[in-house]
Amino acid sequence: MLALSRKKNESIVIDNNIEITVLDIKGDQIKLGITAPKSVPVYRKEVYVQIKDANKAASRSDGAEALKKLLG
């Protein structure tokens, strides 16, 4: 993992088209601004994990089999 130090209003650039800027620092919280192309999804990690888990559960469910039975 690369660790970088940044101060308020300083940024880092990833792959020439994603910019992450430190907008504010209050105590132990840091507010980040992220500029990225619309084609690049950006999620908080806890949301990403929930989406990933839901997709995994859906792929294992019998939903497709139940749909086949309903459609004949």
PDB file of N, CA and C in Angstrom:
ATOM      1  N   MET A   1       0.845  -1.176   0.000  1.00  0.00           N
ATOM      2  CA  MET A   1       0.000   0.000   0.000  1.00  0.00           C
ATOM      3  C   MET A   1       0.889   1.237   0.000  1.00  0.00           C
ATOM      4  N   LEU A   2       0.545   2.162  -0.852  1.00  0.00           N
ATOM      5  CA  LEU A   2       1.235   3.444  -0.897  1.00  0.00           C
ATOM      6  C   LEU A   2       0.561   4.380   0.100  1.00  0.00           C
ATOM      7  N   ALA A   3       1.327   5.001   0.975  1.00  0.00           N
ATOM      8  CA  ALA A   3       0.780   5.957   1.944  1.00  0.00           C
ATOM      9  C   ALA A   3       1.326   7.343   1.610  1.00  0.00           C
ATOM     10  N   LEU A   4       0.422   8.301   1.444  1.00  0.00           N
ATOM     11  CA  LEU A   4       0.809   9.664   1.099  1.00  0.00           C
ATOM     12  C   LEU A   4       0.271  10.630   2.144  1.00  0.00           C
ATOM     13  N   SER A   5       1.041  11.648   2.450  1.00  0.00           N
ATOM     14  CA  SER A   5       0.579  12.705   3.354  1.00  0.00           C
ATOM     15  C   SER A   5       0.086  13.875   2.513  1.00  0.00           C
ATOM     16  N   ARG A   6      -1.056  14.429   2.869  1.00  0.00           N
ATOM     17  CA  ARG A   6      -1.625  15.577   2.178  1.00  0.00           C
ATOM     18  C   ARG A   6      -2.196  16.523   3.214  1.00  0.00           C
ATOM     19  N   LYS A   7      -2.164  17.790   2.934  1.00  0.00           N
ATOM     20  CA  LYS A   7      -2.774  18.802   3.785  1.00  0.00           C
ATOM     21  C   LYS A   7      -4.080  19.255   3.143  1.00  0.00           C
ATOM     22  N   LYS A   8      -4.844  20.037   3.884  1.00  0.00           N
ATOM     23  CA  LYS A   8      -6.103  20.561   3.362  1.00  0.00           C
ATOM     24  C   LYS A   8      -5.859  21.270   2.030  1.00  0.00           C
ATOM     25  N   ASN A   9      -6.734  20.999   1.070  1.00  0.00           N
ATOM     26  CA  ASN A   9      -6.694  21.559  -0.290  1.00  0.00           C
ATOM     27  C   ASN A   9      -5.582  20.983  -1.161  1.00  0.00           C
ATOM     28  N   GLU A  10      -4.893  19.957  -0.698  1.00  0.00           N
ATOM     29  CA  GLU A  10      -3.902  19.278  -1.535  1.00  0.00           C
ATOM     30  C   GLU A  10      -4.540  18.027  -2.135  1.00  0.00           C
ATOM     31  N   SER A  11      -3.982  17.586  -3.263  1.00  0.00           N
ATOM     32  CA  SER A  11      -4.582  16.478  -4.009  1.00  0.00           C
ATOM     33  C   SER A  11      -3.561  15.420  -4.366  1.00  0.00           C
ATOM     34  N   ILE A  12      -4.102  14.282  -4.799  1.00  0.00           N
ATOM     35  CA  ILE A  12      -3.303  13.266  -5.474  1.00  0.00           C
ATOM     36  C   ILE A  12      -4.043  12.931  -6.769  1.00  0.00           C
ATOM     37  N   VAL A  13      -3.308  12.484  -7.765  1.00  0.00           N
ATOM     38  CA  VAL A  13      -3.891  12.127  -9.057  1.00  0.00           C
ATOM     39  C   VAL A  13      -3.581  10.667  -9.322  1.00  0.00           C
ATOM     40  N   ILE A  14      -4.605   9.936  -9.777  1.00  0.00           N
ATOM     41  CA  ILE A  14      -4.466   8.518 -10.094  1.00  0.00           C
ATOM     42  C   ILE A  14      -4.770   8.322 -11.571  1.00  0.00           C
ATOM     43  N   ASP A  15      -3.852   7.725 -12.281  1.00  0.00           N
ATOM     44  CA  ASP A  15      -4.044   7.342 -13.687  1.00  0.00           C
ATOM     45  C   ASP A  15      -4.468   8.521 -14.572  1.00  0.00           C
ATOM     46  N   ASN A  16      -3.972   9.695 -14.295  1.00  0.00           N
ATOM     47  CA  ASN A  16      -4.197  10.903 -15.098  1.00  0.00           C
ATOM     48  C   ASN A  16      -5.635  11.396 -15.168  1.00  0.00           C
ATOM     49  N   ASN A  17      -6.616  10.665 -14.618  1.00  0.00           N
ATOM     50  CA  ASN A  17      -7.997  11.123 -14.770  1.00  0.00           C
ATOM     51  C   ASN A  17      -8.826  11.037 -13.484  1.00  0.00           C
ATOM     52  N   ILE A  18      -8.199  10.691 -12.373  1.00  0.00           N
ATOM     53  CA  ILE A  18      -8.897  10.656 -11.090  1.00  0.00           C
ATOM     54  C   ILE A  18      -8.113  11.538 -10.120  1.00  0.00           C
ATOM     55  N   GLU A  19      -8.804  12.510  -9.539  1.00  0.00           N
ATOM     56  CA  GLU A  19      -8.158  13.405  -8.582  1.00  0.00           C
ATOM     57  C   GLU A  19      -8.878  13.310  -7.241  1.00  0.00           C
ATOM     58  N   ILE A  20      -8.108  13.121  -6.190  1.00  0.00           N
ATOM     59  CA  ILE A  20      -8.644  13.055  -4.832  1.00  0.00           C
ATOM     60  C   ILE A  20      -8.062  14.233  -4.057  1.00  0.00           C
ATOM     61  N   THR A  21      -8.961  15.079  -3.537  1.00  0.00           N
ATOM     62  CA  THR A  21      -8.557  16.296  -2.848  1.00  0.00           C
ATOM     63  C   THR A  21      -9.020  16.257  -1.396  1.00  0.00           C
ATOM     64  N   VAL A  22      -8.138  16.648  -0.484  1.00  0.00           N
ATOM     65  CA  VAL A  22      -8.510  16.772   0.925  1.00  0.00           C
ATOM     66  C   VAL A  22      -9.260  18.098   1.060  1.00  0.00           C
ATOM     67  N   LEU A  23     -10.566  18.017   1.332  1.00  0.00           N
ATOM     68  CA  LEU A  23     -11.395  19.214   1.432  1.00  0.00           C
ATOM     69  C   LEU A  23     -11.406  19.804   2.831  1.00  0.00           C
ATOM     70  N   ASP A  24     -11.413  18.936   3.839  1.00  0.00           N
ATOM     71  CA  ASP A  24     -11.507  19.424   5.213  1.00  0.00           C
ATOM     72  C   ASP A  24     -10.965  18.370   6.165  1.00  0.00           C
ATOM     73  N   ILE A  25     -10.436  18.821   7.280  1.00  0.00           N
ATOM     74  CA  ILE A  25      -9.952  17.931   8.331  1.00  0.00           C
ATOM     75  C   ILE A  25     -10.524  18.444   9.645  1.00  0.00           C
ATOM     76  N   LYS A  26     -11.304  17.599  10.321  1.00  0.00           N
ATOM     77  CA  LYS A  26     -11.877  17.956  11.628  1.00  0.00           C
ATOM     78  C   LYS A  26     -11.662  16.789  12.567  1.00  0.00           C
ATOM     79  N   GLY A  27     -10.770  16.959  13.520  1.00  0.00           N
ATOM     80  CA  GLY A  27     -10.486  15.877  14.465  1.00  0.00           C
ATOM     81  C   GLY A  27      -9.981  14.648  13.737  1.00  0.00           C
ATOM     82  N   ASP A  28     -10.696  13.524  13.918  1.00  0.00           N
ATOM     83  CA  ASP A  28     -10.261  12.280  13.279  1.00  0.00           C
ATOM     84  C   ASP A  28     -11.001  12.018  11.967  1.00  0.00           C
ATOM     85  N   GLN A  29     -11.710  13.029  11.435  1.00  0.00           N
ATOM     86  CA  GLN A  29     -12.409  12.865  10.161  1.00  0.00           C
ATOM     87  C   GLN A  29     -11.764  13.714   9.084  1.00  0.00           C
ATOM     88  N   ILE A  30     -11.693  13.125   7.894  1.00  0.00           N
ATOM     89  CA  ILE A  30     -11.160  13.818   6.728  1.00  0.00           C
ATOM     90  C   ILE A  30     -12.234  13.800   5.658  1.00  0.00           C
ATOM     91  N   LYS A  31     -12.535  14.957   5.078  1.00  0.00           N
ATOM     92  CA  LYS A  31     -13.502  15.023   3.986  1.00  0.00           C
ATOM     93  C   LYS A  31     -12.721  15.058   2.676  1.00  0.00           C
ATOM     94  N   LEU A  32     -13.019  14.094   1.796  1.00  0.00           N
ATOM     95  CA  LEU A  32     -12.342  13.990   0.513  1.00  0.00           C
ATOM     96  C   LEU A  32     -13.283  14.368  -0.613  1.00  0.00           C
ATOM     97  N   GLY A  33     -12.747  15.007  -1.620  1.00  0.00           N
ATOM     98  CA  GLY A  33     -13.477  15.262  -2.859  1.00  0.00           C
ATOM     99  C   GLY A  33     -12.838  14.414  -3.941  1.00  0.00           C
ATOM    100  N   ILE A  34     -13.659  13.742  -4.731  1.00  0.00           N
ATOM    101  CA  ILE A  34     -13.141  12.845  -5.764  1.00  0.00           C
ATOM    102  C   ILE A  34     -13.687  13.285  -7.113  1.00  0.00           C
ATOM    103  N   THR A  35     -12.787  13.579  -8.037  1.00  0.00           N
ATOM    104  CA  THR A  35     -13.157  13.899  -9.404  1.00  0.00           C
ATOM    105  C   THR A  35     -12.723  12.727 -10.265  1.00  0.00           C
ATOM    106  N   ALA A  36     -13.703  12.091 -10.906  1.00  0.00           N
ATOM    107  CA  ALA A  36     -13.411  10.911 -11.726  1.00  0.00           C
ATOM    108  C   ALA A  36     -14.403  10.865 -12.882  1.00  0.00           C
ATOM    109  N   PRO A  37     -14.033  10.196 -13.971  1.00  0.00           N
ATOM    110  CA  PRO A  37     -14.986  10.031 -15.071  1.00  0.00           C
ATOM    111  C   PRO A  37     -16.228   9.283 -14.590  1.00  0.00           C
ATOM    112  N   LYS A  38     -17.368   9.563 -15.208  1.00  0.00           N
ATOM    113  CA  LYS A  38     -18.612   8.890 -14.821  1.00  0.00           C
ATOM    114  C   LYS A  38     -18.523   7.384 -15.004  1.00  0.00           C
ATOM    115  N   SER A  39     -17.631   6.928 -15.858  1.00  0.00           N
ATOM    116  CA  SER A  39     -17.481   5.488 -16.101  1.00  0.00           C
ATOM    117  C   SER A  39     -16.738   4.779 -14.970  1.00  0.00           C
ATOM    118  N   VAL A  40     -16.181   5.544 -14.032  1.00  0.00           N
ATOM    119  CA  VAL A  40     -15.443   4.965 -12.909  1.00  0.00           C
ATOM    120  C   VAL A  40     -16.327   5.015 -11.664  1.00  0.00           C
ATOM    121  N   PRO A  41     -16.806   3.857 -11.195  1.00  0.00           N
ATOM    122  CA  PRO A  41     -17.631   3.872  -9.990  1.00  0.00           C
ATOM    123  C   PRO A  41     -16.784   4.202  -8.758  1.00  0.00           C
ATOM    124  N   VAL A  42     -17.342   5.028  -7.877  1.00  0.00           N
ATOM    125  CA  VAL A  42     -16.657   5.404  -6.638  1.00  0.00           C
ATOM    126  C   VAL A  42     -17.617   5.114  -5.487  1.00  0.00           C
ATOM    127  N   TYR A  43     -17.190   4.284  -4.548  1.00  0.00           N
ATOM    128  CA  TYR A  43     -18.019   3.892  -3.410  1.00  0.00           C
ATOM    129  C   TYR A  43     -17.222   4.020  -2.124  1.00  0.00           C
ATOM    130  N   ARG A  44     -17.920   4.294  -1.017  1.00  0.00           N
ATOM    131  CA  ARG A  44     -17.301   4.102   0.290  1.00  0.00           C
ATOM    132  C   ARG A  44     -17.114   2.598   0.445  1.00  0.00           C
ATOM    133  N   LYS A  45     -16.064   2.177   1.128  1.00  0.00           N
ATOM    134  CA  LYS A  45     -15.757   0.747   1.202  1.00  0.00           C
ATOM    135  C   LYS A  45     -16.903  -0.059   1.794  1.00  0.00           C
ATOM    136  N   GLU A  46     -17.553   0.447   2.851  1.00  0.00           N
ATOM    137  CA  GLU A  46     -18.625  -0.330   3.472  1.00  0.00           C
ATOM    138  C   GLU A  46     -19.800  -0.531   2.510  1.00  0.00           C
ATOM    139  N   VAL A  47     -20.063   0.444   1.645  1.00  0.00           N
ATOM    140  CA  VAL A  47     -21.125   0.296   0.640  1.00  0.00           C
ATOM    141  C   VAL A  47     -20.691  -0.710  -0.419  1.00  0.00           C
ATOM    142  N   TYR A  48     -19.439  -0.617  -0.851  1.00  0.00           N
ATOM    143  CA  TYR A  48     -18.914  -1.550  -1.852  1.00  0.00           C
ATOM    144  C   TYR A  48     -18.999  -2.994  -1.359  1.00  0.00           C
ATOM    145  N   VAL A  49     -18.651  -3.224  -0.104  1.00  0.00           N
ATOM    146  CA  VAL A  49     -18.709  -4.574   0.470  1.00  0.00           C
ATOM    147  C   VAL A  49     -20.150  -5.079   0.490  1.00  0.00           C
ATOM    148  N   GLN A  50     -21.107  -4.217   0.845  1.00  0.00           N
ATOM    149  CA  GLN A  50     -22.520  -4.617   0.844  1.00  0.00           C
ATOM    150  C   GLN A  50     -22.988  -4.985  -0.561  1.00  0.00           C
ATOM    151  N   ILE A  51     -22.616  -4.198  -1.549  1.00  0.00           N
ATOM    152  CA  ILE A  51     -22.996  -4.486  -2.938  1.00  0.00           C
ATOM    153  C   ILE A  51     -22.396  -5.812  -3.375  1.00  0.00           C
ATOM    154  N   LYS A  52     -21.125  -6.005  -3.076  1.00  0.00           N
ATOM    155  CA  LYS A  52     -20.433  -7.240  -3.444  1.00  0.00           C
ATOM    156  C   LYS A  52     -21.090  -8.454  -2.785  1.00  0.00           C
ATOM    157  N   ASP A  53     -21.405  -8.345  -1.498  1.00  0.00           N
ATOM    158  CA  ASP A  53     -22.051  -9.449  -0.778  1.00  0.00           C
ATOM    159  C   ASP A  53     -23.440  -9.737  -1.335  1.00  0.00           C
ATOM    160  N   ALA A  54     -24.199  -8.688  -1.654  1.00  0.00           N
ATOM    161  CA  ALA A  54     -25.545  -8.874  -2.209  1.00  0.00           C
ATOM    162  C   ALA A  54     -25.475  -9.550  -3.572  1.00  0.00           C
ATOM    163  N   ASN A  55     -24.518  -9.151  -4.393  1.00  0.00           N
ATOM    164  CA  ASN A  55     -24.359  -9.780  -5.709  1.00  0.00           C
ATOM    165  C   ASN A  55     -23.965 -11.242  -5.579  1.00  0.00           C
ATOM    166  N   LYS A  56     -23.095 -11.529  -4.629  1.00  0.00           N
ATOM    167  CA  LYS A  56     -22.668 -12.908  -4.407  1.00  0.00           C
ATOM    168  C   LYS A  56     -23.846 -13.762  -3.947  1.00  0.00           C
ATOM    169  N   ALA A  57     -24.649 -13.228  -3.029  1.00  0.00           N
ATOM    170  CA  ALA A  57     -25.814 -13.962  -2.523  1.00  0.00           C
ATOM    171  C   ALA A  57     -26.839 -14.175  -3.629  1.00  0.00           C
ATOM    172  N   ALA A  58     -27.041 -13.175  -4.467  1.00  0.00           N
ATOM    173  CA  ALA A  58     -28.012 -13.293  -5.557  1.00  0.00           C
ATOM    174  C   ALA A  58     -27.581 -14.343  -6.568  1.00  0.00           C
ATOM    175  N   SER A  59     -26.297 -14.446  -6.800  1.00  0.00           N
ATOM    176  CA  SER A  59     -25.819 -15.429  -7.776  1.00  0.00           C
ATOM    177  C   SER A  59     -25.938 -16.852  -7.246  1.00  0.00           C
ATOM    178  N   ARG A  60     -26.007 -17.002  -5.927  1.00  0.00           N
ATOM    179  CA  ARG A  60     -26.141 -18.331  -5.331  1.00  0.00           C
ATOM    180  C   ARG A  60     -27.595 -18.710  -5.065  1.00  0.00           C
ATOM    181  N   SER A  61     -28.499 -17.763  -5.180  1.00  0.00           N
ATOM    182  CA  SER A  61     -29.894 -18.046  -4.829  1.00  0.00           C
ATOM    183  C   SER A  61     -30.564 -18.899  -5.896  1.00  0.00           C
ATOM    184  N   ASP A  62     -31.711 -19.432  -5.543  1.00  0.00           N
ATOM    185  CA  ASP A  62     -32.488 -20.244  -6.469  1.00  0.00           C
ATOM    186  C   ASP A  62     -33.448 -19.385  -7.273  1.00  0.00           C
ATOM    187  N   GLY A  63     -33.220 -18.095  -7.317  1.00  0.00           N
ATOM    188  CA  GLY A  63     -34.099 -17.180  -8.040  1.00  0.00           C
ATOM    189  C   GLY A  63     -34.228 -17.523  -9.509  1.00  0.00           C
ATOM    190  N   ALA A  64     -33.134 -17.876 -10.153  1.00  0.00           N
ATOM    191  CA  ALA A  64     -33.176 -18.222 -11.577  1.00  0.00           C
ATOM    192  C   ALA A  64     -33.998 -19.486 -11.789  1.00  0.00           C
ATOM    193  N   GLU A  65     -33.841 -20.440 -10.919  1.00  0.00           N
ATOM    194  CA  GLU A  65     -34.606 -21.693 -11.028  1.00  0.00           C
ATOM    195  C   GLU A  65     -36.090 -21.433 -10.810  1.00  0.00           C
ATOM    196  N   ALA A  66     -36.427 -20.595  -9.844  1.00  0.00           N
ATOM    197  CA  ALA A  66     -37.830 -20.258  -9.587  1.00  0.00           C
ATOM    198  C   ALA A  66     -38.435 -19.532 -10.782  1.00  0.00           C
ATOM    199  N   LEU A  67     -37.667 -18.652 -11.412  1.00  0.00           N
ATOM    200  CA  LEU A  67     -38.143 -17.936 -12.590  1.00  0.00           C
ATOM    201  C   LEU A  67     -38.403 -18.897 -13.744  1.00  0.00           C
ATOM    202  N   LYS A  68     -37.535 -19.870 -13.929  1.00  0.00           N
ATOM    203  CA  LYS A  68     -37.735 -20.876 -14.981  1.00  0.00           C
ATOM    204  C   LYS A  68     -39.037 -21.632 -14.758  1.00  0.00           C
ATOM    205  N   LYS A  69     -39.326 -21.977 -13.515  1.00  0.00           N
ATOM    206  CA  LYS A  69     -40.561 -22.701 -13.198  1.00  0.00           C
ATOM    207  C   LYS A  69     -41.780 -21.836 -13.494  1.00  0.00           C
ATOM    208  N   LEU A  70     -41.700 -20.550 -13.163  1.00  0.00           N
ATOM    209  CA  LEU A  70     -42.822 -19.650 -13.409  1.00  0.00           C
ATOM    210  C   LEU A  70     -43.086 -19.465 -14.901  1.00  0.00           C
ATOM    211  N   LEU A  71     -42.025 -19.388 -15.670  1.00  0.00           N
ATOM    212  CA  LEU A  71     -42.163 -19.160 -17.105  1.00  0.00           C
ATOM    213  C   LEU A  71     -42.460 -20.437 -17.881  1.00  0.00           C
ATOM    214  N   GLY A  72     -42.316 -21.569 -17.218  1.00  0.00           N
ATOM    215  CA  GLY A  72     -42.650 -22.851 -17.842  1.00  0.00           C
ATOM    216  C   GLY A  72     -41.530 -23.399 -18.571  1.00  0.00           C
TER     217      GLY A  72
END
